[in-house]
Amino acid sequence: MARFKGWKQIVTTSFPHIIVFPFVEMLVFTMLLPYLNRPGSVKKVWLSALISSGLALSWTVSLDIAVLGIEEVERSTFPLLSTIGKVNLMEFLQRLDAIVVFTFLITMFFKTSIYFYCSLIGIVDLFKLKNHQQIVLPIGVILFFYQW
């Protein structure tokens, strides 16, 4: 069992994640709204994306609970990866973990790309620059080394 080391460690570990987690996606998508081709269809697209992603998440969580059980889903960091690891169809179709990991990587690539583009939009608007091409490389280098 882990020993409690004080509130300072808890706050310093969780502080950056608590601030950005629920609100960054909302901020990013509001930065993209002025660049839409058809702003009139925003409500319809937003509602369909919300419903389809909610259904996909509900289906995935239900599948994870049905295969693994509630206790293992609660303990697991990536329950979908554990669920896919149990797939075995006729001793032929198995070891599908690579597909899930590849999907996670593609998702993170697109999420990082959208965050990068929105940070460029924000910097261009903030400093009233003519175009964003002159700061793509410096901001990319800064973000690359920021992760380390």
Protein backbone atom coordinates (compact mmCIF):
# COMPACT_ATOMS: atom_id res chain seq x y z
CA MET A 1 0.00 0.00 0.00
CA ALA A 2 1.30 3.44 -0.92
CA ARG A 3 2.21 5.78 1.90
CA PHE A 4 0.57 9.22 2.06
CA LYS A 5 3.29 11.83 1.52
CA GLY A 6 1.27 14.99 2.03
CA TRP A 7 -0.95 17.39 0.15
CA LYS A 8 1.94 19.14 -1.57
CA GLN A 9 2.72 16.08 -3.69
CA ILE A 10 -0.94 15.62 -4.59
CA VAL A 11 -1.38 19.25 -5.64
CA THR A 12 1.88 19.42 -7.64
CA THR A 13 1.08 16.17 -9.45
CA SER A 14 -2.53 16.90 -10.33
CA PHE A 15 -2.53 20.70 -10.69
CA PRO A 16 -1.82 21.01 -14.44
CA HIS A 17 -4.23 18.22 -15.33
CA ILE A 18 -7.10 19.52 -13.20
CA ILE A 19 -7.07 22.89 -14.94
CA VAL A 20 -6.91 21.73 -18.56
CA PHE A 21 -8.77 18.42 -18.62
CA PRO A 22 -12.44 19.31 -19.02
CA PHE A 23 -12.08 22.71 -20.64
CA VAL A 24 -9.34 22.50 -23.26
CA GLU A 25 -11.48 20.69 -25.83
CA MET A 26 -14.22 23.30 -25.48
CA LEU A 27 -11.70 26.12 -25.91
CA VAL A 28 -10.11 24.44 -28.94
CA PHE A 29 -13.40 23.91 -30.73
CA THR A 30 -14.56 27.45 -30.05
CA MET A 31 -11.32 28.65 -31.65
CA LEU A 32 -12.18 26.67 -34.77
CA LEU A 33 -15.75 27.99 -35.11
CA PRO A 34 -14.88 31.15 -37.10
CA TYR A 35 -13.11 29.04 -39.74
CA LEU A 36 -16.06 26.81 -40.63
CA ASN A 37 -17.34 26.77 -44.21
CA ARG A 38 -21.01 26.47 -43.21
CA PRO A 39 -21.55 28.05 -39.79
CA GLY A 40 -25.29 27.42 -40.02
CA SER A 41 -24.83 23.66 -39.68
CA VAL A 42 -22.81 23.84 -36.46
CA LYS A 43 -25.72 22.84 -34.20
CA LYS A 44 -26.64 19.82 -36.32
CA VAL A 45 -23.06 18.59 -36.62
CA TRP A 46 -22.38 19.22 -32.93
CA LEU A 47 -25.48 17.32 -31.84
CA SER A 48 -24.80 14.37 -34.15
CA ALA A 49 -21.16 14.20 -32.99
CA LEU A 50 -22.26 14.36 -29.34
CA ILE A 51 -24.83 11.59 -29.78
CA SER A 52 -22.58 9.32 -31.85
CA SER A 53 -19.60 9.69 -29.51
CA GLY A 54 -21.84 9.11 -26.49
CA LEU A 55 -23.23 5.95 -28.06
CA ALA A 56 -19.75 4.71 -28.98
CA LEU A 57 -18.47 5.32 -25.45
CA SER A 58 -21.52 3.66 -23.91
CA TRP A 59 -21.13 0.63 -26.15
CA THR A 60 -17.41 0.34 -25.39
CA VAL A 61 -17.90 0.63 -21.62
CA SER A 62 -20.77 -1.88 -21.72
CA LEU A 63 -18.62 -4.31 -23.68
CA ASP A 64 -15.73 -3.85 -21.25
CA ILE A 65 -17.98 -4.49 -18.24
CA ALA A 66 -19.58 -7.53 -19.89
CA VAL A 67 -16.21 -9.11 -20.71
CA LEU A 68 -14.04 -8.08 -17.76
CA GLY A 69 -16.43 -7.35 -14.93
CA ILE A 70 -16.89 -4.17 -12.95
CA GLU A 71 -13.92 -4.65 -10.60
CA GLU A 72 -11.37 -5.20 -13.36
CA VAL A 73 -12.71 -2.29 -15.42
CA GLU A 74 -12.35 -0.02 -12.38
CA ARG A 75 -8.75 -1.14 -11.80
CA SER A 76 -7.61 -1.10 -15.42
CA THR A 77 -6.03 1.96 -16.99
CA PHE A 78 -7.09 0.92 -20.50
CA PRO A 79 -9.97 -1.55 -20.14
CA LEU A 80 -10.55 -1.71 -23.91
CA LEU A 81 -7.00 -3.01 -24.35
CA SER A 82 -7.66 -5.73 -21.76
CA THR A 83 -10.95 -6.61 -23.45
CA ILE A 84 -9.39 -6.91 -26.90
CA GLY A 85 -6.62 -9.06 -25.40
CA LYS A 86 -9.23 -11.71 -24.55
CA VAL A 87 -10.49 -12.06 -28.15
CA ASN A 88 -9.93 -15.57 -29.53
CA LEU A 89 -12.04 -16.65 -32.50
CA MET A 90 -11.43 -20.22 -33.68
CA GLU A 91 -7.75 -20.05 -32.64
CA PHE A 92 -7.22 -17.79 -35.66
CA LEU A 93 -8.30 -14.25 -34.86
CA GLN A 94 -6.41 -13.22 -31.75
CA ARG A 95 -3.80 -10.72 -30.53
CA LEU A 96 -5.72 -7.68 -31.75
CA ASP A 97 -3.93 -5.46 -29.21
CA ALA A 98 -1.85 -3.85 -31.95
CA ILE A 99 -4.98 -2.53 -33.68
CA VAL A 100 -6.19 -0.84 -30.48
CA VAL A 101 -2.77 0.67 -29.75
CA PHE A 102 -2.53 1.90 -33.35
CA THR A 103 -5.99 3.47 -33.02
CA PHE A 104 -4.92 5.19 -29.78
CA LEU A 105 -1.80 6.53 -31.52
CA ILE A 106 -3.76 7.86 -34.50
CA THR A 107 -6.25 9.51 -32.14
CA MET A 108 -3.49 11.19 -30.16
CA PHE A 109 -1.82 12.36 -33.38
CA PHE A 110 -4.99 14.10 -34.55
CA LYS A 111 -5.70 15.53 -31.10
CA THR A 112 -2.16 16.92 -30.86
CA SER A 113 -2.38 18.32 -34.40
CA ILE A 114 -5.64 20.12 -33.63
CA TYR A 115 -4.20 21.53 -30.38
CA PHE A 116 -1.10 22.69 -32.28
CA TYR A 117 -3.16 24.38 -34.98
CA CYS A 118 -5.37 26.13 -32.43
CA SER A 119 -2.34 27.33 -30.50
CA LEU A 120 -1.03 28.82 -33.75
CA ILE A 121 -4.37 30.52 -34.38
CA GLY A 122 -4.34 31.93 -30.85
CA ILE A 123 -0.77 33.24 -31.12
CA VAL A 124 -1.42 34.81 -34.52
CA ASP A 125 -4.54 36.56 -33.16
CA LEU A 126 -2.84 37.58 -29.92
CA PHE A 127 0.21 39.15 -31.54
CA LYS A 128 -1.67 40.34 -34.66
CA LEU A 129 0.69 38.61 -37.09
CA LYS A 130 0.08 38.59 -40.85
CA ASN A 131 0.24 34.81 -41.27
CA HIS A 132 1.01 31.76 -39.19
CA GLN A 133 3.74 30.31 -41.43
CA GLN A 134 6.51 32.31 -39.78
CA ILE A 135 5.87 30.83 -36.32
CA VAL A 136 5.03 27.21 -37.15
CA LEU A 137 8.58 25.93 -36.63
CA PRO A 138 9.37 27.88 -33.42
CA ILE A 139 6.09 26.90 -31.77
CA GLY A 140 6.58 23.27 -32.88
CA VAL A 141 10.05 23.18 -31.34
CA ILE A 142 8.79 24.76 -28.12
CA LEU A 143 5.93 22.25 -27.84
CA PHE A 144 8.26 19.35 -28.65
CA PHE A 145 10.65 20.22 -25.85
CA TYR A 146 7.81 21.16 -23.49
CA GLN A 147 6.72 17.51 -23.41
CA TRP A 148 10.10 16.33 -22.16
